[in-house]
Amino acid sequence: MTKSIVVTGASKGIGSAAADALAASGWAVIGIARHKPDSFPGQFVTADLSDFEATAELASRLARRGDVLGIVNNVGAAKDERFGSVDPSAFFEIMKLNTKPRHWFLTSATAL
């Protein structure tokens, strides 16, 4: 069986470096990000992981493959704000993006 791994936020920076290292170690890498990079060492899926329905559907589809053994949850966002002026709604949305995709993927994988 092929051993596949998902890397979120895989289009640049740490996510791209993780994907390269995993591919070099023999993993079949499935990258996910909002924008497709010019090159990628595996399969790439363009998706916005801040969209709950799209993320849940993608997680279910990946779980059904049967070969995805893990996830490197690198997706993240930040907003530059000063203390006292933080918008609680915006903060909550950023925290959901930074923490929920891994939960959605794991929940979908264990439900099958």
Protein backbone atom coordinates (compact mmCIF):
# COMPACT_ATOMS: atom_id res chain seq x y z
CA MET A 1 0.00 0.00 0.00
CA THR A 2 1.16 3.49 -0.83
CA LYS A 3 1.68 5.64 2.23
CA SER A 4 0.19 9.06 1.63
CA ILE A 5 0.26 12.14 3.83
CA VAL A 6 -1.65 15.42 3.61
CA VAL A 7 0.15 18.74 4.05
CA THR A 8 -2.08 21.79 4.53
CA GLY A 9 -0.74 25.22 3.69
CA ALA A 10 1.52 23.41 1.24
CA SER A 11 1.95 26.07 -1.43
CA LYS A 12 4.86 27.95 0.16
CA GLY A 13 7.13 28.33 3.17
CA ILE A 14 7.14 25.64 5.84
CA GLY A 15 4.34 23.66 4.16
CA SER A 16 6.26 23.50 0.89
CA ALA A 17 9.48 22.51 2.68
CA ALA A 18 7.61 19.80 4.62
CA ALA A 19 6.10 18.45 1.40
CA ASP A 20 9.53 18.33 -0.26
CA ALA A 21 11.10 16.54 2.73
CA LEU A 22 8.26 14.02 2.98
CA ALA A 23 8.39 13.28 -0.75
CA ALA A 24 12.16 12.79 -0.53
CA SER A 25 11.52 10.28 2.29
CA GLY A 26 9.18 8.19 0.15
CA TRP A 27 5.77 9.58 1.07
CA ALA A 28 3.11 10.26 -1.56
CA VAL A 29 2.31 13.86 -0.66
CA ILE A 30 -1.11 15.46 -1.08
CA GLY A 31 -0.79 19.22 -0.74
CA ILE A 32 -3.67 21.54 0.07
CA ALA A 33 -3.77 25.33 -0.13
CA ARG A 34 -5.82 28.13 -1.65
CA HIS A 35 -3.33 28.72 -4.46
CA LYS A 36 -1.47 26.09 -6.47
CA PRO A 37 2.30 26.55 -6.57
CA ASP A 38 4.28 26.43 -9.82
CA SER A 39 5.67 23.03 -8.85
CA PHE A 40 4.78 20.47 -6.20
CA PRO A 41 6.25 17.03 -5.38
CA GLY A 42 2.93 15.19 -5.49
CA GLN A 43 -0.79 15.67 -5.90
CA PHE A 44 -2.09 19.18 -5.17
CA VAL A 45 -5.64 20.12 -4.24
CA THR A 46 -6.73 23.75 -4.34
CA ALA A 47 -9.07 24.40 -1.41
CA ASP A 48 -9.93 27.10 1.12
CA LEU A 49 -9.81 25.35 4.50
CA SER A 50 -11.70 28.22 6.12
CA ASP A 51 -14.79 26.94 4.26
CA PHE A 52 -16.34 24.33 6.58
CA GLU A 53 -18.41 22.48 3.98
CA ALA A 54 -15.59 22.31 1.43
CA THR A 55 -13.15 21.12 4.09
CA ALA A 56 -15.52 18.44 5.39
CA GLU A 57 -16.14 17.15 1.85
CA LEU A 58 -12.41 17.10 1.05
CA ALA A 59 -11.64 15.30 4.33
CA SER A 60 -14.26 12.65 3.57
CA ARG A 61 -12.92 12.17 0.06
CA LEU A 62 -9.35 11.78 1.33
CA ALA A 63 -10.44 9.35 4.08
CA ARG A 64 -12.17 7.15 1.50
CA ARG A 65 -8.87 6.71 -0.36
CA GLY A 66 -7.65 4.39 2.39
CA ASP A 67 -3.97 5.29 1.97
CA VAL A 68 -3.77 8.61 3.85
CA LEU A 69 -1.88 7.87 7.05
CA GLY A 70 -1.41 11.35 8.49
CA ILE A 71 -1.67 15.11 8.21
CA VAL A 72 0.80 17.93 8.66
CA ASN A 73 -1.55 20.76 9.64
CA ASN A 74 0.43 23.79 8.52
CA VAL A 75 -2.44 26.00 7.37
CA GLY A 76 -2.67 29.23 9.28
CA ALA A 77 -3.53 32.89 9.24
CA ALA A 78 -2.81 35.93 11.35
CA LYS A 79 -4.14 39.45 11.58
CA ASP A 80 -2.04 42.34 12.82
CA GLU A 81 -4.02 44.09 15.59
CA ARG A 82 -3.18 45.94 18.79
CA PHE A 83 -4.38 44.82 22.20
CA GLY A 84 -7.65 46.54 22.99
CA SER A 85 -8.64 46.77 19.35
CA VAL A 86 -8.94 43.06 18.54
CA ASP A 87 -12.22 42.20 16.85
CA PRO A 88 -13.43 39.08 18.75
CA SER A 89 -15.34 37.76 15.72
CA ALA A 90 -12.31 38.03 13.45
CA PHE A 91 -10.11 36.46 16.14
CA PHE A 92 -12.51 33.52 16.43
CA GLU A 93 -12.52 32.98 12.66
CA ILE A 94 -8.72 32.98 12.54
CA MET A 95 -8.54 30.51 15.44
CA LYS A 96 -11.01 28.20 13.68
CA LEU A 97 -8.86 28.21 10.55
CA ASN A 98 -5.68 27.59 12.54
CA THR A 99 -7.08 24.69 14.58
CA LYS A 100 -10.15 23.12 12.96
CA PRO A 101 -8.95 21.59 9.65
CA ARG A 102 -6.98 18.92 11.50
CA HIS A 103 -10.06 18.11 13.60
CA TRP A 104 -12.28 17.87 10.52
CA PHE A 105 -9.81 15.57 8.77
CA LEU A 106 -9.46 13.32 11.80
CA THR A 107 -13.20 13.19 12.43
CA SER A 108 -13.88 12.22 8.82
CA ALA A 109 -11.17 9.56 8.86
CA THR A 110 -12.42 7.91 12.03
CA ALA A 111 -16.06 8.00 10.89
CA LEU A 112 -15.30 5.59 8.04
